[in-house]
Protein backbone atom coordinates (compact mmCIF):
# COMPACT_ATOMS: atom_id res chain seq x y z
CA MET A 1 -159.94 -24.33 -44.58
CA THR A 2 -157.81 -27.39 -43.86
CA ASP A 3 -154.65 -25.41 -44.59
CA LEU A 4 -155.68 -22.76 -42.08
CA MET A 5 -156.32 -25.36 -39.38
CA PHE A 6 -152.97 -27.02 -40.13
CA LEU A 7 -151.14 -23.68 -39.83
CA LEU A 8 -152.92 -22.89 -36.57
CA LEU A 9 -152.01 -26.30 -35.17
CA LEU A 10 -148.40 -25.88 -36.29
CA PHE A 11 -148.22 -22.44 -34.67
CA LEU A 12 -149.57 -23.79 -31.36
CA LEU A 13 -147.09 -26.68 -31.38
CA ILE A 14 -144.16 -24.35 -31.95
CA ALA A 15 -145.39 -21.81 -29.38
CA THR A 16 -145.83 -24.42 -26.66
CA THR A 17 -142.30 -25.74 -27.09
CA LEU A 18 -140.93 -22.25 -26.44
CA ILE A 19 -142.74 -21.87 -23.12
CA ASN A 20 -140.66 -22.76 -20.05
CA PRO A 21 -143.04 -23.82 -17.25
CA ASN A 22 -140.19 -24.33 -14.76
CA ALA A 23 -139.35 -20.64 -14.44
CA LEU A 24 -140.60 -18.04 -12.00
CA LYS A 25 -141.45 -14.67 -13.46
CA LEU A 26 -139.50 -12.15 -11.36
CA MET A 27 -138.58 -8.55 -12.09
CA LEU A 28 -134.98 -8.47 -10.82
CA PRO A 29 -133.12 -5.25 -10.03
CA LYS A 30 -130.62 -4.15 -12.70
CA SER A 31 -126.83 -4.37 -12.33
CA SER A 32 -123.79 -4.13 -14.57
CA ASN A 33 -121.77 -6.63 -12.47
CA GLN A 34 -122.38 -10.24 -13.39
CA LEU A 35 -121.14 -13.36 -11.60
CA LYS A 36 -119.46 -16.11 -13.54
CA ASP A 37 -120.88 -19.64 -13.44
CA LYS A 38 -120.53 -21.32 -10.06
CA ALA A 39 -122.44 -24.11 -8.35
CA MET A 40 -125.03 -22.53 -6.08
CA THR A 41 -128.49 -23.04 -4.67
CA THR A 42 -131.22 -20.65 -5.77
CA VAL A 43 -133.74 -19.13 -3.35
CA SER A 44 -136.57 -17.12 -4.89
CA ILE A 45 -139.13 -14.88 -3.22
CA GLN A 46 -142.23 -13.99 -5.20
CA ASP A 47 -144.77 -11.35 -4.14
CA ALA A 48 -148.19 -13.03 -3.85
CA GLY A 49 -149.95 -9.75 -3.02
CA HIS A 50 -151.55 -8.44 0.18
CA GLY A 51 -148.29 -8.72 2.13
CA LYS A 52 -147.89 -12.43 1.42
CA TYR A 53 -144.91 -14.05 -0.29
CA ARG A 54 -144.09 -17.37 -1.95
CA TYR A 55 -140.72 -18.92 -1.15
CA TYR A 56 -138.90 -21.31 -3.48
CA VAL A 57 -135.67 -23.28 -3.18
CA GLU A 58 -134.51 -24.53 -6.59
CA LEU A 59 -138.03 -23.89 -8.03
CA GLN A 60 -139.67 -26.04 -5.32
CA GLU A 61 -142.15 -24.05 -3.23
CA VAL A 62 -141.28 -24.40 0.46
CA GLY A 63 -144.17 -22.41 1.92
CA SER A 64 -142.51 -20.18 4.51
CA ILE A 65 -139.23 -18.63 5.59
CA GLU A 66 -138.81 -21.58 7.99
CA GLY A 67 -139.24 -23.89 5.01
CA VAL A 68 -136.44 -22.03 3.23
CA GLU A 69 -134.10 -22.65 6.16
CA ARG A 70 -135.03 -26.35 6.38
CA ALA A 71 -134.59 -26.84 2.62
CA LEU A 72 -131.22 -25.07 2.60
CA LYS A 73 -129.94 -27.10 5.55
CA THR A 74 -131.04 -30.33 3.86
CA ARG A 75 -129.53 -29.34 0.52
CA LEU A 76 -126.27 -27.73 1.71
CA ASP A 77 -125.47 -29.75 4.84
CA GLY A 78 -121.76 -30.57 4.89
CA GLN A 79 -120.85 -28.52 1.81
CA LYS A 80 -117.79 -26.32 2.06
CA ASP A 81 -118.26 -22.75 0.77
CA ALA A 82 -121.96 -23.29 0.07
CA THR A 83 -123.36 -20.43 -2.01
CA VAL A 84 -126.97 -19.23 -2.11
CA SER A 85 -128.25 -17.05 -4.95
CA LEU A 86 -131.19 -14.92 -3.80
CA HIS A 87 -133.72 -13.95 -6.47
CA CYS A 88 -136.34 -11.45 -5.28
CA ASP A 89 -139.07 -9.71 -7.22
CA GLU A 90 -138.67 -5.90 -7.21
CA THR A 91 -141.86 -5.59 -5.15
CA VAL A 92 -140.69 -7.85 -2.30
CA ALA A 93 -140.22 -5.97 0.97
CA VAL A 94 -136.62 -5.52 2.12
CA GLY A 95 -137.50 -7.27 5.39
CA GLU A 96 -138.22 -10.52 3.54
CA THR A 97 -134.87 -10.29 1.76
CA VAL A 98 -133.10 -9.66 5.07
CA LYS A 99 -134.70 -12.78 6.58
CA VAL A 100 -133.02 -14.94 3.91
CA MET A 101 -129.76 -13.02 4.38
CA ASN A 102 -129.91 -13.81 8.11
CA ILE A 103 -130.46 -17.51 7.37
CA ALA A 104 -127.37 -17.48 5.14
CA LYS A 105 -125.32 -15.65 7.78
CA ASP A 106 -126.43 -17.93 10.63
CA ASN A 107 -125.50 -21.05 8.62
CA ASN A 108 -122.24 -19.65 7.12
CA TYR A 109 -123.51 -19.70 3.53
CA LYS A 110 -122.19 -17.23 1.00
CA LEU A 111 -125.05 -15.13 -0.35
CA ILE A 112 -125.39 -13.48 -3.75
CA LEU A 113 -128.26 -11.15 -4.58
CA ALA A 114 -129.31 -11.86 -8.17
CA THR A 115 -129.90 -8.97 -10.55
CA ALA A 116 -130.95 -8.66 -14.18
CA PRO A 117 -128.24 -7.54 -16.63
CA ASN A 118 -128.43 -3.94 -17.91
């Protein structure tokens, strides 16, 4: 019985080290083109259901689309060729994606739409 409890405890310890709590679970669109590593700021939009969305800048929830703009201005102020990587769940409405694209355009940020590799 002690061996069984030890194995169960060992399994739980190993399983919990493999879990990454700092990641958002998003179903990204598929693409065969992949961007090479480059310093950029990540904006994520997650579908919260019932027409509501959660907005994140570098995994920090910012609450609203206005919060996204404030966070990007704070983070990227004065940077030359600032790049924003937009990660949207497949179920996010196109209008929400366009709002972030407009923020990038208005502030002269380069925007990359993130996709999952094929």
